Amino acid sequence: GFLMVSQELATVKEYDIPVVICVLDNRYLGMVAQWQN
């Protein structure tokens, strides 16, 4: 999901919007893979 909108890193940088993004990184489309499993 983050890779779909990662360009908004430019927005938070340019406007100094201090959000914290925790990317849960398992290199899978996890829910779809769970159903496939």
PDB file of all heavy atoms in Angstrom:
ATOM      1  N   GLY A   1       0.810  -1.206   0.000  1.00  0.00           N
ATOM      2  CA  GLY A   1       0.000   0.000   0.000  1.00  0.00           C
ATOM      3  C   GLY A   1       0.845   1.257   0.000  1.00  0.00           C
ATOM      4  O   GLY A   1       0.518   2.241  -0.679  1.00  0.00           O
ATOM      5  N   PHE A   2       1.953   1.251   0.749  1.00  0.00           N
ATOM      6  CA  PHE A   2       2.800   2.439   0.801  1.00  0.00           C
ATOM      7  C   PHE A   2       3.406   2.749  -0.567  1.00  0.00           C
ATOM      8  O   PHE A   2       3.515   3.915  -0.955  1.00  0.00           O
ATOM      9  CB  PHE A   2       3.912   2.256   1.839  1.00  0.00           C
ATOM     10  CG  PHE A   2       4.862   3.428   1.882  1.00  0.00           C
ATOM     11  CD1 PHE A   2       4.463   4.638   2.422  1.00  0.00           C
ATOM     12  CD2 PHE A   2       6.135   3.328   1.345  1.00  0.00           C
ATOM     13  CE1 PHE A   2       5.320   5.726   2.434  1.00  0.00           C
ATOM     14  CE2 PHE A   2       7.003   4.403   1.357  1.00  0.00           C
ATOM     15  CZ  PHE A   2       6.590   5.609   1.907  1.00  0.00           C
ATOM     16  N   LEU A   3       3.777   1.710  -1.312  1.00  0.00           N
ATOM     17  CA  LEU A   3       4.367   1.946  -2.622  1.00  0.00           C
ATOM     18  C   LEU A   3       3.381   2.587  -3.596  1.00  0.00           C
ATOM     19  O   LEU A   3       3.794   3.185  -4.593  1.00  0.00           O
ATOM     20  CB  LEU A   3       4.899   0.634  -3.206  1.00  0.00           C
ATOM     21  CG  LEU A   3       6.240   0.173  -2.634  1.00  0.00           C
ATOM     22  CD1 LEU A   3       6.580  -1.226  -3.118  1.00  0.00           C
ATOM     23  CD2 LEU A   3       7.352   1.147  -3.009  1.00  0.00           C
ATOM     24  N   MET A   4       2.093   2.482  -3.326  1.00  0.00           N
ATOM     25  CA  MET A   4       1.106   3.130  -4.185  1.00  0.00           C
ATOM     26  C   MET A   4       1.073   4.643  -4.000  1.00  0.00           C
ATOM     27  O   MET A   4       0.597   5.365  -4.878  1.00  0.00           O
ATOM     28  CB  MET A   4      -0.288   2.567  -3.907  1.00  0.00           C
ATOM     29  CG  MET A   4      -0.469   1.126  -4.335  1.00  0.00           C
ATOM     30  SD  MET A   4      -2.181   0.603  -4.063  1.00  0.00           S
ATOM     31  CE  MET A   4      -2.170  -0.996  -4.874  1.00  0.00           C
ATOM     32  N   VAL A   5       1.544   5.132  -2.859  1.00  0.00           N
ATOM     33  CA  VAL A   5       1.427   6.566  -2.545  1.00  0.00           C
ATOM     34  C   VAL A   5       2.732   7.152  -2.019  1.00  0.00           C
ATOM     35  O   VAL A   5       2.739   8.227  -1.423  1.00  0.00           O
ATOM     36  CB  VAL A   5       0.301   6.808  -1.514  1.00  0.00           C
ATOM     37  CG1 VAL A   5      -1.056   6.464  -2.103  1.00  0.00           C
ATOM     38  CG2 VAL A   5       0.540   6.001  -0.240  1.00  0.00           C
ATOM     39  N   SER A   6       3.838   6.463  -2.247  1.00  0.00           N
ATOM     40  CA  SER A   6       5.106   6.895  -1.635  1.00  0.00           C
ATOM     41  C   SER A   6       5.549   8.267  -2.121  1.00  0.00           C
ATOM     42  O   SER A   6       6.358   8.927  -1.463  1.00  0.00           O
ATOM     43  CB  SER A   6       6.212   5.868  -1.915  1.00  0.00           C
ATOM     44  OG  SER A   6       6.387   5.661  -3.305  1.00  0.00           O
ATOM     45  N   GLN A   7       5.008   8.729  -3.274  1.00  0.00           N
ATOM     46  CA  GLN A   7       5.379  10.055  -3.767  1.00  0.00           C
ATOM     47  C   GLN A   7       4.972  11.167  -2.807  1.00  0.00           C
ATOM     48  O   GLN A   7       5.508  12.274  -2.871  1.00  0.00           O
ATOM     49  CB  GLN A   7       4.758  10.304  -5.145  1.00  0.00           C
ATOM     50  CG  GLN A   7       3.268  10.594  -5.150  1.00  0.00           C
ATOM     51  CD  GLN A   7       2.402   9.359  -5.007  1.00  0.00           C
ATOM     52  OE1 GLN A   7       2.873   8.248  -5.210  1.00  0.00           O
ATOM     53  NE2 GLN A   7       1.136   9.550  -4.650  1.00  0.00           N
ATOM     54  N   GLU A   8       4.041  10.865  -1.882  1.00  0.00           N
ATOM     55  CA  GLU A   8       3.628  11.908  -0.932  1.00  0.00           C
ATOM     56  C   GLU A   8       4.694  12.197   0.119  1.00  0.00           C
ATOM     57  O   GLU A   8       4.528  13.121   0.928  1.00  0.00           O
ATOM     58  CB  GLU A   8       2.307  11.529  -0.275  1.00  0.00           C
ATOM     59  CG  GLU A   8       1.155  11.365  -1.255  1.00  0.00           C
ATOM     60  CD  GLU A   8       0.944  12.560  -2.184  1.00  0.00           C
ATOM     61  OE1 GLU A   8       1.090  13.714  -1.720  1.00  0.00           O
ATOM     62  OE2 GLU A   8       0.638  12.336  -3.371  1.00  0.00           O
ATOM     63  N   LEU A   9       5.793  11.454   0.085  1.00  0.00           N
ATOM     64  CA  LEU A   9       6.951  11.853   0.900  1.00  0.00           C
ATOM     65  C   LEU A   9       7.399  13.261   0.517  1.00  0.00           C
ATOM     66  O   LEU A   9       7.874  14.025   1.365  1.00  0.00           O
ATOM     67  CB  LEU A   9       8.098  10.852   0.729  1.00  0.00           C
ATOM     68  CG  LEU A   9       7.909   9.479   1.372  1.00  0.00           C
ATOM     69  CD1 LEU A   9       8.978   8.504   0.891  1.00  0.00           C
ATOM     70  CD2 LEU A   9       7.931   9.582   2.898  1.00  0.00           C
ATOM     71  N   ALA A  10       7.237  13.599  -0.764  1.00  0.00           N
ATOM     72  CA  ALA A  10       7.579  14.957  -1.199  1.00  0.00           C
ATOM     73  C   ALA A  10       6.664  15.982  -0.535  1.00  0.00           C
ATOM     74  O   ALA A  10       7.104  17.079  -0.159  1.00  0.00           O
ATOM     75  CB  ALA A  10       7.480  15.063  -2.721  1.00  0.00           C
ATOM     76  N   THR A  11       5.392  15.636  -0.375  1.00  0.00           N
ATOM     77  CA  THR A  11       4.429  16.560   0.242  1.00  0.00           C
ATOM     78  C   THR A  11       4.781  16.821   1.699  1.00  0.00           C
ATOM     79  O   THR A  11       4.816  17.982   2.143  1.00  0.00           O
ATOM     80  CB  THR A  11       3.006  15.982   0.134  1.00  0.00           C
ATOM     81  OG1 THR A  11       2.707  15.695  -1.228  1.00  0.00           O
ATOM     82  CG2 THR A  11       1.984  16.959   0.683  1.00  0.00           C
ATOM     83  N   VAL A  12       5.039  15.763   2.475  1.00  0.00           N
ATOM     84  CA  VAL A  12       5.326  15.974   3.897  1.00  0.00           C
ATOM     85  C   VAL A  12       6.647  16.707   4.078  1.00  0.00           C
ATOM     86  O   VAL A  12       6.822  17.460   5.051  1.00  0.00           O
ATOM     87  CB  VAL A  12       5.320  14.648   4.690  1.00  0.00           C
ATOM     88  CG1 VAL A  12       3.929  14.037   4.690  1.00  0.00           C
ATOM     89  CG2 VAL A  12       6.345  13.649   4.173  1.00  0.00           C
ATOM     90  N   LYS A  13       7.572  16.508   3.150  1.00  0.00           N
ATOM     91  CA  LYS A  13       8.848  17.217   3.241  1.00  0.00           C
ATOM     92  C   LYS A  13       8.675  18.696   2.905  1.00  0.00           C
ATOM     93  O   LYS A  13       9.135  19.575   3.649  1.00  0.00           O
ATOM     94  CB  LYS A  13       9.871  16.576   2.306  1.00  0.00           C
ATOM     95  CG  LYS A  13      11.224  17.301   2.275  1.00  0.00           C
ATOM     96  CD  LYS A  13      11.890  17.289   3.636  1.00  0.00           C
ATOM     97  CE  LYS A  13      13.250  17.978   3.589  1.00  0.00           C
ATOM     98  NZ  LYS A  13      13.897  18.021   4.922  1.00  0.00           N
ATOM     99  N   GLU A  14       8.027  18.985   1.794  1.00  0.00           N
ATOM    100  CA  GLU A  14       7.903  20.366   1.339  1.00  0.00           C
ATOM    101  C   GLU A  14       7.060  21.218   2.281  1.00  0.00           C
ATOM    102  O   GLU A  14       7.320  22.405   2.460  1.00  0.00           O
ATOM    103  CB  GLU A  14       7.299  20.405  -0.069  1.00  0.00           C
ATOM    104  CG  GLU A  14       8.211  19.859  -1.151  1.00  0.00           C
ATOM    105  CD  GLU A  14       9.514  20.640  -1.260  1.00  0.00           C
ATOM    106  OE1 GLU A  14       9.486  21.882  -1.136  1.00  0.00           O
ATOM    107  OE2 GLU A  14      10.567  19.995  -1.463  1.00  0.00           O
ATOM    108  N   TYR A  15       6.055  20.615   2.910  1.00  0.00           N
ATOM    109  CA  TYR A  15       5.175  21.369   3.801  1.00  0.00           C
ATOM    110  C   TYR A  15       5.492  21.122   5.268  1.00  0.00           C
ATOM    111  O   TYR A  15       4.772  21.605   6.145  1.00  0.00           O
ATOM    112  CB  TYR A  15       3.712  21.030   3.504  1.00  0.00           C
ATOM    113  CG  TYR A  15       3.249  21.562   2.169  1.00  0.00           C
ATOM    114  CD1 TYR A  15       3.314  20.763   1.033  1.00  0.00           C
ATOM    115  CD2 TYR A  15       2.779  22.856   2.024  1.00  0.00           C
ATOM    116  CE1 TYR A  15       2.903  21.239  -0.211  1.00  0.00           C
ATOM    117  CE2 TYR A  15       2.367  23.347   0.796  1.00  0.00           C
ATOM    118  CZ  TYR A  15       2.442  22.536  -0.315  1.00  0.00           C
ATOM    119  OH  TYR A  15       2.037  23.018  -1.543  1.00  0.00           O
ATOM    120  N   ASP A  16       6.546  20.365   5.535  1.00  0.00           N
ATOM    121  CA  ASP A  16       6.989  20.080   6.905  1.00  0.00           C
ATOM    122  C   ASP A  16       5.818  19.573   7.756  1.00  0.00           C
ATOM    123  O   ASP A  16       5.467  20.149   8.786  1.00  0.00           O
ATOM    124  CB  ASP A  16       7.612  21.327   7.536  1.00  0.00           C
ATOM    125  CG  ASP A  16       8.313  21.001   8.851  1.00  0.00           C
ATOM    126  OD1 ASP A  16       8.716  19.834   9.040  1.00  0.00           O
ATOM    127  OD2 ASP A  16       8.448  21.907   9.688  1.00  0.00           O
ATOM    128  N   ILE A  17       5.221  18.487   7.284  1.00  0.00           N
ATOM    129  CA  ILE A  17       4.096  17.863   7.994  1.00  0.00           C
ATOM    130  C   ILE A  17       4.657  16.665   8.755  1.00  0.00           C
ATOM    131  O   ILE A  17       4.970  15.631   8.153  1.00  0.00           O
ATOM    132  CB  ILE A  17       2.997  17.424   7.011  1.00  0.00           C
ATOM    133  CG1 ILE A  17       2.500  18.641   6.206  1.00  0.00           C
ATOM    134  CG2 ILE A  17       1.835  16.775   7.757  1.00  0.00           C
ATOM    135  CD1 ILE A  17       1.564  18.291   5.064  1.00  0.00           C
ATOM    136  N   PRO A  18       4.818  16.767  10.067  1.00  0.00           N
ATOM    137  CA  PRO A  18       5.574  15.757  10.824  1.00  0.00           C
ATOM    138  C   PRO A  18       4.783  14.512  11.177  1.00  0.00           C
ATOM    139  O   PRO A  18       4.494  14.238  12.344  1.00  0.00           O
ATOM    140  CB  PRO A  18       6.008  16.524  12.076  1.00  0.00           C
ATOM    141  CG  PRO A  18       4.930  17.529  12.293  1.00  0.00           C
ATOM    142  CD  PRO A  18       4.439  17.920  10.918  1.00  0.00           C
ATOM    143  N   VAL A  19       4.413  13.727  10.172  1.00  0.00           N
ATOM    144  CA  VAL A  19       3.823  12.428  10.434  1.00  0.00           C
ATOM    145  C   VAL A  19       4.932  11.383  10.439  1.00  0.00           C
ATOM    146  O   VAL A  19       5.985  11.566   9.837  1.00  0.00           O
ATOM    147  CB  VAL A  19       2.756  12.055   9.385  1.00  0.00           C
ATOM    148  CG1 VAL A  19       1.633  13.077   9.376  1.00  0.00           C
ATOM    149  CG2 VAL A  19       3.368  11.923   7.997  1.00  0.00           C
ATOM    150  N   VAL A  20       4.683  10.285  11.142  1.00  0.00           N
ATOM    151  CA  VAL A  20       5.623   9.164  11.157  1.00  0.00           C
ATOM    152  C   VAL A  20       4.977   8.003  10.417  1.00  0.00           C
ATOM    153  O   VAL A  20       3.835   7.633  10.718  1.00  0.00           O
ATOM    154  CB  VAL A  20       5.990   8.743  12.592  1.00  0.00           C
ATOM    155  CG1 VAL A  20       6.989   7.583  12.561  1.00  0.00           C
ATOM    156  CG2 VAL A  20       6.565   9.925  13.363  1.00  0.00           C
ATOM    157  N   ILE A  21       5.700   7.450   9.456  1.00  0.00           N
ATOM    158  CA  ILE A  21       5.175   6.334   8.672  1.00  0.00           C
ATOM    159  C   ILE A  21       5.922   5.068   9.069  1.00  0.00           C
ATOM    160  O   ILE A  21       7.151   4.993   8.916  1.00  0.00           O
ATOM    161  CB  ILE A  21       5.344   6.562   7.160  1.00  0.00           C
ATOM    162  CG1 ILE A  21       4.857   7.945   6.764  1.00  0.00           C
ATOM    163  CG2 ILE A  21       4.620   5.476   6.369  1.00  0.00           C
ATOM    164  CD1 ILE A  21       5.970   8.922   6.440  1.00  0.00           C
ATOM    165  N   CYS A  22       5.186   4.088   9.609  1.00  0.00           N
ATOM    166  CA  CYS A  22       5.763   2.775   9.912  1.00  0.00           C
ATOM    167  C   CYS A  22       5.371   1.824   8.785  1.00  0.00           C
ATOM    168  O   CYS A  22       4.203   1.469   8.643  1.00  0.00           O
ATOM    169  CB  CYS A  22       5.231   2.240  11.247  1.00  0.00           C
ATOM    170  SG  CYS A  22       5.766   3.174  12.683  1.00  0.00           S
ATOM    171  N   VAL A  23       6.344   1.439   7.984  1.00  0.00           N
ATOM    172  CA  VAL A  23       6.103   0.518   6.882  1.00  0.00           C
ATOM    173  C   VAL A  23       6.383  -0.898   7.367  1.00  0.00           C
ATOM    174  O   VAL A  23       7.530  -1.233   7.684  1.00  0.00           O
ATOM    175  CB  VAL A  23       6.971   0.854   5.660  1.00  0.00           C
ATOM    176  CG1 VAL A  23       6.717  -0.161   4.533  1.00  0.00           C
ATOM    177  CG2 VAL A  23       6.703   2.271   5.171  1.00  0.00           C
ATOM    178  N   LEU A  24       5.336  -1.717   7.456  1.00  0.00           N
ATOM    179  CA  LEU A  24       5.503  -3.111   7.850  1.00  0.00           C
ATOM    180  C   LEU A  24       5.935  -3.890   6.606  1.00  0.00           C
ATOM    181  O   LEU A  24       5.137  -4.143   5.704  1.00  0.00           O
ATOM    182  CB  LEU A  24       4.216  -3.664   8.444  1.00  0.00           C
ATOM    183  CG  LEU A  24       3.622  -2.871   9.624  1.00  0.00           C
ATOM    184  CD1 LEU A  24       2.523  -3.678  10.310  1.00  0.00           C
ATOM    185  CD2 LEU A  24       4.695  -2.469  10.631  1.00  0.00           C
ATOM    186  N   ASP A  25       7.186  -4.245   6.587  1.00  0.00           N
ATOM    187  CA  ASP A  25       7.882  -4.680   5.374  1.00  0.00           C
ATOM    188  C   ASP A  25       8.073  -6.195   5.383  1.00  0.00           C
ATOM    189  O   ASP A  25       8.947  -6.717   6.070  1.00  0.00           O
ATOM    190  CB  ASP A  25       9.234  -3.942   5.329  1.00  0.00           C
ATOM    191  CG  ASP A  25      10.077  -4.285   4.129  1.00  0.00           C
ATOM    192  OD1 ASP A  25       9.658  -5.126   3.320  1.00  0.00           O
ATOM    193  OD2 ASP A  25      11.169  -3.688   4.002  1.00  0.00           O
ATOM    194  N   ASN A  26       7.202  -6.910   4.628  1.00  0.00           N
ATOM    195  CA  ASN A  26       7.394  -8.349   4.484  1.00  0.00           C
ATOM    196  C   ASN A  26       7.567  -8.770   3.024  1.00  0.00           C
ATOM    197  O   ASN A  26       7.609  -9.955   2.710  1.00  0.00           O
ATOM    198  CB  ASN A  26       6.238  -9.135   5.126  1.00  0.00           C
ATOM    199  CG  ASN A  26       4.895  -8.816   4.492  1.00  0.00           C
ATOM    200  OD1 ASN A  26       4.813  -8.141   3.465  1.00  0.00           O
ATOM    201  ND2 ASN A  26       3.830  -9.300   5.107  1.00  0.00           N
ATOM    202  N   ARG A  27       7.633  -7.760   2.152  1.00  0.00           N
ATOM    203  CA  ARG A  27       7.872  -7.960   0.720  1.00  0.00           C
ATOM    204  C   ARG A  27       6.768  -8.762   0.039  1.00  0.00           C
ATOM    205  O   ARG A  27       6.992  -9.351  -1.013  1.00  0.00           O
ATOM    206  CB  ARG A  27       9.241  -8.601   0.489  1.00  0.00           C
ATOM    207  CG  ARG A  27      10.390  -7.741   0.983  1.00  0.00           C
ATOM    208  CD  ARG A  27      10.541  -6.478   0.156  1.00  0.00           C
ATOM    209  NE  ARG A  27      11.230  -5.419   0.892  1.00  0.00           N
ATOM    210  CZ  ARG A  27      11.672  -4.289   0.333  1.00  0.00           C
ATOM    211  NH1 ARG A  27      11.495  -4.080  -0.956  1.00  0.00           N
ATOM    212  NH2 ARG A  27      12.261  -3.371   1.065  1.00  0.00           N
ATOM    213  N   TYR A  28       5.589  -8.767   0.645  1.00  0.00           N
ATOM    214  CA  TYR A  28       4.437  -9.452   0.050  1.00  0.00           C
ATOM    215  C   TYR A  28       3.210  -8.537   0.081  1.00  0.00           C
ATOM    216  O   TYR A  28       3.113  -7.649   0.941  1.00  0.00           O
ATOM    217  CB  TYR A  28       4.096 -10.734   0.809  1.00  0.00           C
ATOM    218  CG  TYR A  28       4.908 -11.935   0.395  1.00  0.00           C
ATOM    219  CD1 TYR A  28       6.095 -12.250   1.063  1.00  0.00           C
ATOM    220  CD2 TYR A  28       4.496 -12.755  -0.659  1.00  0.00           C
ATOM    221  CE1 TYR A  28       6.852 -13.348   0.676  1.00  0.00           C
ATOM    222  CE2 TYR A  28       5.246 -13.858  -1.039  1.00  0.00           C
ATOM    223  CZ  TYR A  28       6.417 -14.155  -0.374  1.00  0.00           C
ATOM    224  OH  TYR A  28       7.157 -15.243  -0.759  1.00  0.00           O
ATOM    225  N   LEU A  29       2.305  -8.761  -0.854  1.00  0.00           N
ATOM    226  CA  LEU A  29       0.952  -8.259  -0.696  1.00  0.00           C
ATOM    227  C   LEU A  29       0.293  -9.197   0.310  1.00  0.00           C
ATOM    228  O   LEU A  29      -0.319 -10.208  -0.042  1.00  0.00           O
ATOM    229  CB  LEU A  29       0.214  -8.272  -2.033  1.00  0.00           C
ATOM    230  CG  LEU A  29       0.818  -7.370  -3.124  1.00  0.00           C
ATOM    231  CD1 LEU A  29       0.078  -7.545  -4.435  1.00  0.00           C
ATOM    232  CD2 LEU A  29       0.814  -5.909  -2.687  1.00  0.00           C
ATOM    233  N   GLY A  30       0.463  -8.864   1.590  1.00  0.00           N
ATOM    234  CA  GLY A  30       0.285  -9.831   2.665  1.00  0.00           C
ATOM    235  C   GLY A  30      -1.086 -10.456   2.755  1.00  0.00           C
ATOM    236  O   GLY A  30      -1.206 -11.669   2.928  1.00  0.00           O
ATOM    237  N   MET A  31      -2.151  -9.658   2.650  1.00  0.00           N
ATOM    238  CA  MET A  31      -3.484 -10.230   2.804  1.00  0.00           C
ATOM    239  C   MET A  31      -3.841 -11.135   1.627  1.00  0.00           C
ATOM    240  O   MET A  31      -4.444 -12.203   1.810  1.00  0.00           O
ATOM    241  CB  MET A  31      -4.532  -9.119   2.960  1.00  0.00           C
ATOM    242  CG  MET A  31      -5.932  -9.639   3.249  1.00  0.00           C
ATOM    243  SD  MET A  31      -6.032 -10.630   4.764  1.00  0.00           S
ATOM    244  CE  MET A  31      -6.065  -9.324   5.999  1.00  0.00           C
ATOM    245  N   VAL A  32      -3.461 -10.723   0.416  1.00  0.00           N
ATOM    246  CA  VAL A  32      -3.741 -11.569  -0.745  1.00  0.00           C
ATOM    247  C   VAL A  32      -2.953 -12.872  -0.629  1.00  0.00           C
ATOM    248  O   VAL A  32      -3.471 -13.964  -0.887  1.00  0.00           O
ATOM    249  CB  VAL A  32      -3.391 -10.840  -2.053  1.00  0.00           C
ATOM    250  CG1 VAL A  32      -3.783 -11.701  -3.260  1.00  0.00           C
ATOM    251  CG2 VAL A  32      -4.093  -9.493  -2.130  1.00  0.00           C
ATOM    252  N   ALA A  33      -1.681 -12.764  -0.211  1.00  0.00           N
ATOM    253  CA  ALA A  33      -0.866 -13.965  -0.028  1.00  0.00           C
ATOM    254  C   ALA A  33      -1.444 -14.857   1.063  1.00  0.00           C
ATOM    255  O   ALA A  33      -1.406 -16.091   0.949  1.00  0.00           O
ATOM    256  CB  ALA A  33       0.570 -13.569   0.312  1.00  0.00           C
ATOM    257  N   GLN A  34      -1.997 -14.255   2.129  1.00  0.00           N
ATOM    258  CA  GLN A  34      -2.610 -15.049   3.190  1.00  0.00           C
ATOM    259  C   GLN A  34      -3.775 -15.862   2.647  1.00  0.00           C
ATOM    260  O   GLN A  34      -3.903 -17.056   2.945  1.00  0.00           O
ATOM    261  CB  GLN A  34      -3.088 -14.136   4.325  1.00  0.00           C
ATOM    262  CG  GLN A  34      -3.877 -14.871   5.403  1.00  0.00           C
ATOM    263  CD  GLN A  34      -4.151 -14.028   6.641  1.00  0.00           C
ATOM    264  OE1 GLN A  34      -3.288 -13.259   7.060  1.00  0.00           O
ATOM    265  NE2 GLN A  34      -5.327 -14.172   7.223  1.00  0.00           N
ATOM    266  N   TRP A  35      -4.616 -15.244   1.841  1.00  0.00           N
ATOM    267  CA  TRP A  35      -5.734 -15.973   1.249  1.00  0.00           C
ATOM    268  C   TRP A  35      -5.227 -17.066   0.303  1.00  0.00           C
ATOM    269  O   TRP A  35      -5.798 -18.163   0.245  1.00  0.00           O
ATOM    270  CB  TRP A  35      -6.657 -15.007   0.492  1.00  0.00           C
ATOM    271  CG  TRP A  35      -7.565 -14.224   1.387  1.00  0.00           C
ATOM    272  CD1 TRP A  35      -7.200 -13.470   2.469  1.00  0.00           C
ATOM    273  CD2 TRP A  35      -8.981 -14.115   1.287  1.00  0.00           C
ATOM    274  NE1 TRP A  35      -8.300 -12.882   3.039  1.00  0.00           N
ATOM    275  CE2 TRP A  35      -9.410 -13.259   2.330  1.00  0.00           C
ATOM    276  CE3 TRP A  35      -9.927 -14.628   0.412  1.00  0.00           C
ATOM    277  CZ2 TRP A  35     -10.753 -12.931   2.518  1.00  0.00           C
ATOM    278  CZ3 TRP A  35     -11.263 -14.300   0.591  1.00  0.00           C
ATOM    279  CH2 TRP A  35     -11.670 -13.462   1.646  1.00  0.00           C
ATOM    280  N   GLN A  36      -4.184 -16.753  -0.455  1.00  0.00           N
ATOM    281  CA  GLN A  36      -3.628 -17.771  -1.358  1.00  0.00           C
ATOM    282  C   GLN A  36      -3.080 -18.956  -0.565  1.00  0.00           C
ATOM    283  O   GLN A  36      -3.247 -20.115  -0.969  1.00  0.00           O
ATOM    284  CB  GLN A  36      -2.533 -17.151  -2.237  1.00  0.00           C
ATOM    285  CG  GLN A  36      -3.081 -16.203  -3.288  1.00  0.00           C
ATOM    286  CD  GLN A  36      -1.989 -15.467  -4.040  1.00  0.00           C
ATOM    287  OE1 GLN A  36      -0.859 -15.328  -3.558  1.00  0.00           O
ATOM    288  NE2 GLN A  36      -2.311 -14.983  -5.240  1.00  0.00           N
ATOM    289  N   ASN A  37      -2.452 -18.674   0.561  1.00  0.00           N
ATOM    290  CA  ASN A  37      -1.918 -19.748   1.406  1.00  0.00           C
ATOM    291  C   ASN A  37      -3.033 -20.584   2.014  1.00  0.00           C
ATOM    292  O   ASN A  37      -2.940 -21.820   2.079  1.00  0.00           O
ATOM    293  CB  ASN A  37      -1.040 -19.163   2.519  1.00  0.00           C
ATOM    294  CG  ASN A  37       0.379 -18.892   2.071  1.00  0.00           C
ATOM    295  OD1 ASN A  37       0.981 -19.709   1.375  1.00  0.00           O
ATOM    296  ND2 ASN A  37       0.918 -17.745   2.444  1.00  0.00           N
TER     297      ASN A  37
END
